[in-house]
Protein backbone atom coordinates (compact mmCIF):
# COMPACT_ATOMS: atom_id res chain seq x y z
CA MET A 1 -25.95 -7.37 6.53
CA SER A 2 -25.71 -4.15 6.05
CA ASN A 3 -23.28 -2.35 3.39
CA ASN A 4 -23.02 0.79 5.54
CA ARG A 5 -19.99 -0.99 7.17
CA ARG A 6 -16.63 0.41 7.09
CA TRP A 7 -13.76 -0.64 5.06
CA SER A 8 -11.78 -1.27 8.20
CA ASP A 9 -14.57 -3.45 9.91
CA ARG A 10 -14.52 -5.97 6.80
CA ALA A 11 -13.26 -9.16 7.36
CA ARG A 12 -9.42 -9.43 6.54
CA LYS A 13 -8.14 -11.81 3.83
CA THR A 14 -4.94 -12.84 3.12
CA VAL A 15 -2.66 -12.42 0.27
CA GLU A 16 0.51 -14.05 -0.87
CA ILE A 17 3.46 -11.66 -0.98
CA ALA A 18 5.72 -13.49 -3.23
CA PRO A 19 3.44 -13.20 -6.27
CA MET A 20 2.76 -9.40 -5.90
CA LEU A 21 6.74 -8.85 -5.36
CA ASP A 22 7.17 -11.05 -8.81
CA TYR A 23 4.43 -8.63 -10.25
CA ALA A 24 6.28 -5.46 -9.04
CA ASN A 25 9.64 -6.49 -10.06
CA GLY A 26 8.55 -7.60 -13.48
CA TYR A 27 6.99 -4.25 -13.95
CA LEU A 28 9.93 -2.33 -12.55
CA ALA A 29 12.16 -4.23 -15.27
CA ALA A 30 9.70 -3.99 -18.23
CA LYS A 31 10.26 -2.28 -21.14
CA GLY A 32 8.91 1.41 -21.50
CA GLY A 33 6.38 2.77 -18.87
CA THR A 34 6.80 5.88 -16.89
CA PRO A 35 8.79 6.81 -14.05
CA GLU A 36 5.85 8.13 -12.39
CA ALA A 37 4.24 4.53 -13.10
CA ARG A 38 6.96 2.76 -11.76
CA GLU A 39 7.44 5.42 -8.78
CA ALA A 40 3.72 3.96 -7.69
CA ILE A 41 4.71 0.53 -8.03
CA ILE A 42 7.91 1.40 -5.69
CA CYS A 43 5.20 3.03 -2.97
CA PHE A 44 3.01 -0.15 -3.08
CA ILE A 45 5.42 -2.73 -3.36
CA GLU A 46 7.43 -1.31 -0.39
CA MET A 47 4.43 -0.66 1.86
CA LEU A 48 3.29 -4.14 1.33
CA LEU A 49 6.84 -5.78 2.20
CA PHE A 50 7.09 -3.19 5.32
CA LYS A 51 3.72 -4.16 6.50
CA ALA A 52 4.61 -8.09 6.21
CA ASP A 53 7.73 -7.88 7.90
CA ARG A 54 9.27 -8.77 4.51
CA TYR A 55 11.40 -5.69 3.48
CA ARG A 56 14.74 -6.64 2.65
CA GLY A 57 16.10 -3.95 0.51
CA PHE A 58 16.33 -3.63 -3.20
CA SER A 59 19.33 -3.27 -5.95
CA TYR A 60 19.21 -0.90 -9.04
CA LEU A 61 19.15 -2.71 -12.00
CA THR A 62 21.56 -2.66 -14.13
CA GLN A 63 22.06 -2.21 -18.23
CA ASP A 64 22.75 -6.08 -18.75
CA ARG A 65 18.65 -6.70 -16.83
CA LEU A 66 17.09 -4.09 -19.16
CA ASP A 67 16.15 -3.14 -22.84
CA PRO A 68 18.93 -1.45 -24.44
CA THR A 69 16.29 1.57 -24.94
CA ASP A 70 15.95 2.04 -21.19
CA LEU A 71 17.75 3.72 -19.07
CA PRO A 72 19.46 1.59 -15.67
CA GLY A 73 18.87 2.49 -11.94
CA ILE A 74 22.67 2.48 -11.84
CA ARG A 75 25.95 2.40 -14.21
CA TRP A 76 28.88 0.79 -13.05
CA GLU A 77 32.35 1.77 -14.75
CA GLU A 78 35.70 0.72 -13.40
CA GLY A 79 34.22 -0.60 -10.22
CA VAL A 80 32.45 2.66 -8.87
CA GLY A 81 28.54 2.99 -9.14
CA ARG A 82 27.11 6.05 -10.97
CA PHE A 83 23.97 7.57 -10.97
CA ASP A 84 24.12 10.21 -13.65
CA ASN A 85 21.92 9.16 -16.79
CA ALA A 86 20.33 6.66 -14.68
CA ASP A 87 16.77 5.89 -14.07
CA LYS A 88 16.00 5.48 -9.78
CA THR A 89 12.81 3.76 -10.58
CA ARG A 90 14.66 0.98 -12.14
CA ARG A 91 14.98 -1.41 -9.18
CA PHE A 92 14.80 -5.18 -7.74
CA TYR A 93 13.67 -5.79 -4.59
CA VAL A 94 14.44 -8.98 -2.48
């Protein structure tokens, strides 16, 4: 067998979506990290979910689901969602 085969010619392997989704959601809610790193996770998990026909959207994480020192994805004030002083990478995928 030759090692000169293209990546696309190799046998496909099946990967479970649920553990990948759990990992991504955990990372997006974890204390610290950078918005750039979370953006990379967001791009990866969205691509994975779309290709598997499993994309069902996301919700922004509120402060009660994050460390108090981290910015939330959305702030609710009097029933209105506000995105000022928020971090759009703080998400939870369904």
